[in-house]
Amino acid sequence: MQPVNLFNLAAQQARWLSVRQSVIAGNVANVNTPGYVARDVKPFEAVLDNRHVAMAATEPGHMQGNNPLIQDVSLREDDENPVVLPSGNTVSLQTELVKSADVQRQFNLNTAIVKAFHNMLAMATKE
């Protein structure tokens, strides 16, 4: 019998969604910070294409953390037509809330797929 990789894929996506939600929360926390540039993580498809993605340091003084949640995901500047405020900040609360809702929707879908697959496996192995 071949190993089931769906659970591994779902766990990877759940970890990616957790990291993305943390980055979004950081953007919201810095909404009034002058010069702060909104950030986002690379799309999940890019993470799957390149399994050896490392954290990107944007400044020489940044430390490479050992947080297991963000080890495999690189941050990127949010490049979806940012509006620069007079303070130099590019965070839009509306955009961040839409992203947060998208993360919740994707996480709910991920959980529903895993639950359905688990139920299917349980029914197949029942005696």
N, C-alpha and C. Protein backbone atom coordinates (compact mmCIF):
# COMPACT_ATOMS: atom_id res chain seq x y z
N MET A 1 0.84 -1.19 0.00
CA MET A 1 0.00 0.00 0.00
C MET A 1 0.88 1.24 0.00
N GLN A 2 0.55 2.21 -0.84
CA GLN A 2 1.30 3.45 -0.94
C GLN A 2 0.93 4.39 0.22
N PRO A 3 1.88 5.19 0.70
CA PRO A 3 1.56 6.13 1.78
C PRO A 3 0.61 7.22 1.28
N VAL A 4 -0.22 7.70 2.17
CA VAL A 4 -1.17 8.75 1.83
C VAL A 4 -0.51 10.10 2.09
N ASN A 5 -0.30 10.88 1.03
CA ASN A 5 0.38 12.16 1.16
C ASN A 5 -0.58 13.32 1.36
N LEU A 6 -1.87 13.07 1.29
CA LEU A 6 -2.84 14.15 1.46
C LEU A 6 -2.72 14.78 2.84
N PHE A 7 -2.50 13.96 3.86
CA PHE A 7 -2.38 14.49 5.21
C PHE A 7 -1.14 15.37 5.35
N ASN A 8 -0.04 14.98 4.72
CA ASN A 8 1.18 15.80 4.76
C ASN A 8 0.96 17.12 4.05
N LEU A 9 0.31 17.07 2.89
CA LEU A 9 0.02 18.28 2.14
C LEU A 9 -0.89 19.22 2.93
N ALA A 10 -1.90 18.65 3.57
CA ALA A 10 -2.82 19.46 4.38
C ALA A 10 -2.10 20.09 5.57
N ALA A 11 -1.19 19.34 6.18
CA ALA A 11 -0.42 19.88 7.31
C ALA A 11 0.50 21.01 6.84
N GLN A 12 1.11 20.85 5.67
CA GLN A 12 1.95 21.91 5.11
C GLN A 12 1.13 23.17 4.85
N GLN A 13 -0.05 23.00 4.27
CA GLN A 13 -0.88 24.17 3.98
C GLN A 13 -1.36 24.82 5.28
N ALA A 14 -1.70 24.03 6.27
CA ALA A 14 -2.14 24.60 7.55
C ALA A 14 -1.01 25.41 8.18
N ARG A 15 0.22 24.92 8.09
CA ARG A 15 1.37 25.66 8.62
C ARG A 15 1.55 26.97 7.83
N TRP A 16 1.43 26.88 6.50
CA TRP A 16 1.56 28.07 5.65
C TRP A 16 0.47 29.09 5.99
N LEU A 17 -0.76 28.62 6.19
CA LEU A 17 -1.86 29.52 6.54
C LEU A 17 -1.61 30.19 7.89
N SER A 18 -1.04 29.45 8.83
CA SER A 18 -0.71 30.02 10.14
C SER A 18 0.33 31.13 10.01
N VAL A 19 1.33 30.90 9.18
CA VAL A 19 2.36 31.92 8.96
C VAL A 19 1.75 33.13 8.28
N ARG A 20 0.90 32.90 7.28
CA ARG A 20 0.29 34.03 6.57
C ARG A 20 -0.57 34.86 7.52
N GLN A 21 -1.32 34.19 8.40
CA GLN A 21 -2.15 34.92 9.34
C GLN A 21 -1.28 35.74 10.30
N SER A 22 -0.13 35.21 10.69
CA SER A 22 0.79 35.96 11.56
C SER A 22 1.32 37.20 10.86
N VAL A 23 1.66 37.07 9.58
CA VAL A 23 2.16 38.21 8.81
C VAL A 23 1.07 39.26 8.65
N ILE A 24 -0.15 38.83 8.38
CA ILE A 24 -1.28 39.76 8.26
C ILE A 24 -1.50 40.50 9.58
N ALA A 25 -1.43 39.75 10.69
CA ALA A 25 -1.58 40.38 12.01
C ALA A 25 -0.48 41.41 12.25
N GLY A 26 0.73 41.11 11.80
CA GLY A 26 1.83 42.07 11.92
C GLY A 26 1.57 43.32 11.11
N ASN A 27 0.99 43.15 9.92
CA ASN A 27 0.64 44.32 9.11
C ASN A 27 -0.39 45.19 9.82
N VAL A 28 -1.40 44.55 10.39
CA VAL A 28 -2.45 45.30 11.09
C VAL A 28 -1.87 45.99 12.32
N ALA A 29 -0.97 45.32 13.02
CA ALA A 29 -0.35 45.92 14.21
C ALA A 29 0.48 47.15 13.85
N ASN A 30 1.00 47.19 12.63
CA ASN A 30 1.85 48.31 12.21
C ASN A 30 1.13 49.28 11.29
N VAL A 31 -0.19 49.32 11.36
CA VAL A 31 -0.96 50.16 10.45
C VAL A 31 -0.62 51.65 10.62
N ASN A 32 -0.21 52.06 11.79
CA ASN A 32 0.12 53.47 12.02
C ASN A 32 1.62 53.72 12.13
N THR A 33 2.44 52.74 11.78
CA THR A 33 3.89 52.91 11.85
C THR A 33 4.38 53.62 10.60
N PRO A 34 5.00 54.78 10.75
CA PRO A 34 5.49 55.50 9.57
C PRO A 34 6.54 54.69 8.82
N GLY A 35 6.41 54.62 7.50
CA GLY A 35 7.38 53.93 6.66
C GLY A 35 7.24 52.43 6.61
N TYR A 36 6.27 51.87 7.32
CA TYR A 36 6.10 50.42 7.31
C TYR A 36 5.53 49.97 5.97
N VAL A 37 6.12 48.94 5.39
CA VAL A 37 5.67 48.39 4.11
C VAL A 37 4.91 47.10 4.39
N ALA A 38 3.70 47.00 3.87
CA ALA A 38 2.89 45.81 4.06
C ALA A 38 3.61 44.59 3.50
N ARG A 39 3.47 43.46 4.18
CA ARG A 39 4.14 42.23 3.76
C ARG A 39 3.11 41.13 3.58
N ASP A 40 3.53 40.12 2.86
CA ASP A 40 2.72 38.92 2.69
C ASP A 40 3.69 37.78 2.46
N VAL A 41 3.20 36.55 2.50
CA VAL A 41 4.06 35.40 2.23
C VAL A 41 3.90 34.99 0.78
N LYS A 42 4.87 34.26 0.28
CA LYS A 42 4.76 33.76 -1.08
C LYS A 42 3.57 32.82 -1.16
N PRO A 43 2.94 32.73 -2.33
CA PRO A 43 1.79 31.83 -2.47
C PRO A 43 2.16 30.39 -2.14
N PHE A 44 1.18 29.64 -1.69
CA PHE A 44 1.42 28.25 -1.29
C PHE A 44 1.97 27.42 -2.46
N GLU A 45 1.54 27.74 -3.67
CA GLU A 45 2.03 27.01 -4.85
C GLU A 45 3.53 27.20 -5.02
N ALA A 46 4.01 28.40 -4.73
CA ALA A 46 5.45 28.66 -4.83
C ALA A 46 6.22 27.89 -3.77
N VAL A 47 5.62 27.73 -2.60
CA VAL A 47 6.27 26.95 -1.54
C VAL A 47 6.36 25.49 -1.96
N LEU A 48 5.32 24.99 -2.61
CA LEU A 48 5.34 23.60 -3.06
C LEU A 48 6.34 23.39 -4.19
N ASP A 49 6.48 24.39 -5.08
CA ASP A 49 7.42 24.28 -6.19
C ASP A 49 8.86 24.27 -5.73
N ASN A 50 9.15 25.01 -4.68
CA ASN A 50 10.52 25.12 -4.18
C ASN A 50 10.53 24.71 -2.71
N ARG A 51 10.84 23.48 -2.45
CA ARG A 51 10.76 22.95 -1.09
C ARG A 51 11.86 23.49 -0.18
N HIS A 52 12.89 24.09 -0.71
CA HIS A 52 14.00 24.56 0.11
C HIS A 52 14.01 26.08 0.18
N VAL A 53 12.85 26.66 0.44
CA VAL A 53 12.74 28.12 0.53
C VAL A 53 13.20 28.53 1.92
N ALA A 54 14.02 29.55 1.99
CA ALA A 54 14.52 30.04 3.27
C ALA A 54 13.93 31.41 3.55
N MET A 55 13.98 31.80 4.80
CA MET A 55 13.47 33.11 5.20
C MET A 55 14.35 34.19 4.57
N ALA A 56 13.73 35.19 4.01
CA ALA A 56 14.46 36.27 3.35
C ALA A 56 14.71 37.40 4.34
N ALA A 57 15.95 37.78 4.51
CA ALA A 57 16.30 38.92 5.36
C ALA A 57 16.32 40.17 4.50
N THR A 58 15.51 41.15 4.84
CA THR A 58 15.43 42.37 4.04
C THR A 58 16.44 43.41 4.47
N GLU A 59 16.99 43.26 5.65
CA GLU A 59 18.01 44.16 6.18
C GLU A 59 19.16 43.33 6.72
N PRO A 60 20.39 43.82 6.63
CA PRO A 60 21.53 43.04 7.11
C PRO A 60 21.45 42.71 8.60
N GLY A 61 20.77 43.54 9.39
CA GLY A 61 20.68 43.31 10.82
C GLY A 61 19.62 42.31 11.25
N HIS A 62 18.80 41.87 10.32
CA HIS A 62 17.73 40.93 10.68
C HIS A 62 18.32 39.57 11.03
N MET A 63 17.76 38.97 12.06
CA MET A 63 18.23 37.65 12.47
C MET A 63 17.43 36.58 11.74
N GLN A 64 18.08 35.47 11.47
CA GLN A 64 17.40 34.32 10.90
C GLN A 64 16.85 33.51 12.07
N GLY A 65 15.57 33.60 12.31
CA GLY A 65 14.96 32.92 13.45
C GLY A 65 14.86 31.42 13.24
N ASN A 66 14.65 30.72 14.34
CA ASN A 66 14.49 29.27 14.29
C ASN A 66 13.05 28.87 14.52
N ASN A 67 12.12 29.76 14.26
CA ASN A 67 10.71 29.45 14.42
C ASN A 67 10.33 28.39 13.39
N PRO A 68 9.87 27.21 13.82
CA PRO A 68 9.56 26.15 12.87
C PRO A 68 8.41 26.50 11.94
N LEU A 69 7.56 27.44 12.35
CA LEU A 69 6.43 27.80 11.48
C LEU A 69 6.87 28.60 10.27
N ILE A 70 7.92 29.39 10.40
CA ILE A 70 8.31 30.24 9.29
C ILE A 70 9.61 29.79 8.64
N GLN A 71 10.07 28.61 8.96
CA GLN A 71 11.31 28.14 8.38
C GLN A 71 11.20 27.89 6.88
N ASP A 72 10.06 27.40 6.42
CA ASP A 72 9.91 27.01 5.02
C ASP A 72 9.20 28.06 4.18
N VAL A 73 8.87 29.20 4.73
CA VAL A 73 8.09 30.19 3.99
C VAL A 73 8.85 31.50 3.96
N SER A 74 8.96 32.10 2.78
CA SER A 74 9.65 33.39 2.65
C SER A 74 8.63 34.52 2.66
N LEU A 75 9.02 35.62 3.27
CA LEU A 75 8.19 36.82 3.24
C LEU A 75 8.45 37.57 1.96
N ARG A 76 7.46 38.28 1.50
CA ARG A 76 7.64 39.14 0.34
C ARG A 76 6.89 40.43 0.62
N GLU A 77 7.32 41.49 -0.02
CA GLU A 77 6.58 42.74 0.12
C GLU A 77 5.27 42.61 -0.63
N ASP A 78 4.24 43.15 -0.07
CA ASP A 78 2.92 43.08 -0.70
C ASP A 78 2.93 43.99 -1.92
N ASP A 79 2.81 43.40 -3.11
CA ASP A 79 2.96 44.18 -4.33
C ASP A 79 1.66 44.37 -5.10
N GLU A 80 0.54 44.29 -4.43
CA GLU A 80 -0.75 44.45 -5.10
C GLU A 80 -1.17 45.92 -5.11
N ASN A 81 -0.50 46.73 -5.91
CA ASN A 81 -0.78 48.16 -6.05
C ASN A 81 -0.91 48.87 -4.70
N PRO A 82 0.18 48.93 -3.94
CA PRO A 82 0.07 49.56 -2.63
C PRO A 82 -0.18 51.06 -2.74
N VAL A 83 -1.01 51.55 -1.87
CA VAL A 83 -1.26 52.98 -1.77
C VAL A 83 -0.36 53.49 -0.65
N VAL A 84 0.52 54.41 -0.98
CA VAL A 84 1.45 54.95 0.00
C VAL A 84 0.82 56.15 0.68
N LEU A 85 0.68 56.06 1.98
CA LEU A 85 0.13 57.16 2.75
C LEU A 85 1.19 58.24 2.94
N PRO A 86 0.81 59.44 3.35
CA PRO A 86 1.82 60.50 3.56
C PRO A 86 2.92 60.10 4.54
N SER A 87 2.62 59.20 5.46
CA SER A 87 3.63 58.75 6.43
C SER A 87 4.58 57.71 5.83
N GLY A 88 4.31 57.27 4.59
CA GLY A 88 5.14 56.25 3.96
C GLY A 88 4.64 54.84 4.23
N ASN A 89 3.56 54.70 4.95
CA ASN A 89 2.99 53.40 5.29
C ASN A 89 2.15 52.89 4.12
N THR A 90 2.20 51.59 3.85
CA THR A 90 1.42 51.02 2.74
C THR A 90 0.36 50.04 3.20
N VAL A 91 0.08 49.98 4.51
CA VAL A 91 -0.90 49.02 5.03
C VAL A 91 -2.31 49.57 4.85
N SER A 92 -3.18 48.76 4.24
CA SER A 92 -4.59 49.09 4.11
C SER A 92 -5.38 48.09 4.95
N LEU A 93 -6.12 48.59 5.93
CA LEU A 93 -6.88 47.69 6.80
C LEU A 93 -7.89 46.86 6.02
N GLN A 94 -8.50 47.46 5.01
CA GLN A 94 -9.48 46.73 4.22
C GLN A 94 -8.82 45.53 3.52
N THR A 95 -7.66 45.76 2.94
CA THR A 95 -6.95 44.68 2.24
C THR A 95 -6.54 43.60 3.22
N GLU A 96 -6.05 43.99 4.38
CA GLU A 96 -5.61 43.01 5.37
C GLU A 96 -6.78 42.19 5.90
N LEU A 97 -7.93 42.81 6.07
CA LEU A 97 -9.11 42.07 6.53
C LEU A 97 -9.61 41.09 5.47
N VAL A 98 -9.52 41.48 4.20
CA VAL A 98 -9.89 40.57 3.12
C VAL A 98 -8.93 39.37 3.10
N LYS A 99 -7.64 39.64 3.27
CA LYS A 99 -6.65 38.55 3.31
C LYS A 99 -6.92 37.62 4.49
N SER A 100 -7.25 38.21 5.64
CA SER A 100 -7.53 37.41 6.82
C SER A 100 -8.75 36.51 6.62
N ALA A 101 -9.78 37.05 5.99
CA ALA A 101 -10.97 36.24 5.69
C ALA A 101 -10.63 35.13 4.70
N ASP A 102 -9.74 35.41 3.75
CA ASP A 102 -9.31 34.39 2.80
C ASP A 102 -8.54 33.27 3.50
N VAL A 103 -7.71 33.63 4.45
CA VAL A 103 -6.98 32.62 5.22
C VAL A 103 -7.96 31.73 5.99
N GLN A 104 -8.96 32.34 6.60
CA GLN A 104 -9.96 31.56 7.34
C GLN A 104 -10.72 30.62 6.40
N ARG A 105 -11.09 31.12 5.23
CA ARG A 105 -11.81 30.28 4.27
C ARG A 105 -10.96 29.10 3.82
N GLN A 106 -9.68 29.37 3.52
CA GLN A 106 -8.78 28.30 3.09
C GLN A 106 -8.55 27.28 4.20
N PHE A 107 -8.43 27.76 5.43
CA PHE A 107 -8.23 26.84 6.55
C PHE A 107 -9.46 25.97 6.76
N ASN A 108 -10.66 26.55 6.66
CA ASN A 108 -11.90 25.78 6.79
C ASN A 108 -12.01 24.72 5.68
N LEU A 109 -11.63 25.09 4.46
CA LEU A 109 -11.64 24.13 3.36
C LEU A 109 -10.65 23.01 3.60
N ASN A 110 -9.46 23.36 4.04
CA ASN A 110 -8.42 22.38 4.34
C ASN A 110 -8.93 21.39 5.39
N THR A 111 -9.52 21.91 6.45
CA THR A 111 -10.03 21.07 7.53
C THR A 111 -11.16 20.16 7.04
N ALA A 112 -12.05 20.69 6.22
CA ALA A 112 -13.17 19.89 5.70
C ALA A 112 -12.67 18.77 4.80
N ILE A 113 -11.66 19.03 3.98
CA ILE A 113 -11.11 18.00 3.10
C ILE A 113 -10.45 16.90 3.92
N VAL A 114 -9.67 17.27 4.92
CA VAL A 114 -9.01 16.27 5.76
C VAL A 114 -10.05 15.44 6.51
N LYS A 115 -11.07 16.10 7.02
CA LYS A 115 -12.12 15.37 7.74
C LYS A 115 -12.84 14.39 6.83
N ALA A 116 -13.18 14.82 5.61
CA ALA A 116 -13.85 13.92 4.66
C ALA A 116 -12.95 12.75 4.28
N PHE A 117 -11.67 13.03 4.05
CA PHE A 117 -10.75 11.96 3.69
C PHE A 117 -10.56 10.99 4.85
N HIS A 118 -10.49 11.53 6.07
CA HIS A 118 -10.36 10.68 7.25
C HIS A 118 -11.60 9.78 7.39
N ASN A 119 -12.79 10.35 7.20
CA ASN A 119 -14.02 9.55 7.28
C ASN A 119 -14.04 8.46 6.20
N MET A 120 -13.56 8.81 5.00
CA MET A 120 -13.52 7.83 3.91
C MET A 120 -12.57 6.68 4.27
N LEU A 121 -11.41 6.99 4.81
CA LEU A 121 -10.47 5.96 5.22
C LEU A 121 -11.04 5.11 6.36
N ALA A 122 -11.71 5.74 7.29
CA ALA A 122 -12.32 4.99 8.41
C ALA A 122 -13.38 4.04 7.91
N MET A 123 -14.19 4.47 6.94
CA MET A 123 -15.22 3.59 6.39
C MET A 123 -14.60 2.44 5.58
N ALA A 124 -13.52 2.72 4.89
CA ALA A 124 -12.87 1.69 4.07
C ALA A 124 -12.19 0.62 4.92
N THR A 125 -11.76 1.00 6.11
CA THR A 125 -11.05 0.03 6.96
C THR A 125 -11.94 -0.61 8.00
N LYS A 126 -13.22 -0.24 8.03
CA LYS A 126 -14.16 -0.83 8.99
C LYS A 126 -14.42 -2.28 8.63
N GLU A 127 -14.57 -3.07 9.66
CA GLU A 127 -14.88 -4.48 9.39
C GLU A 127 -16.34 -4.74 9.49
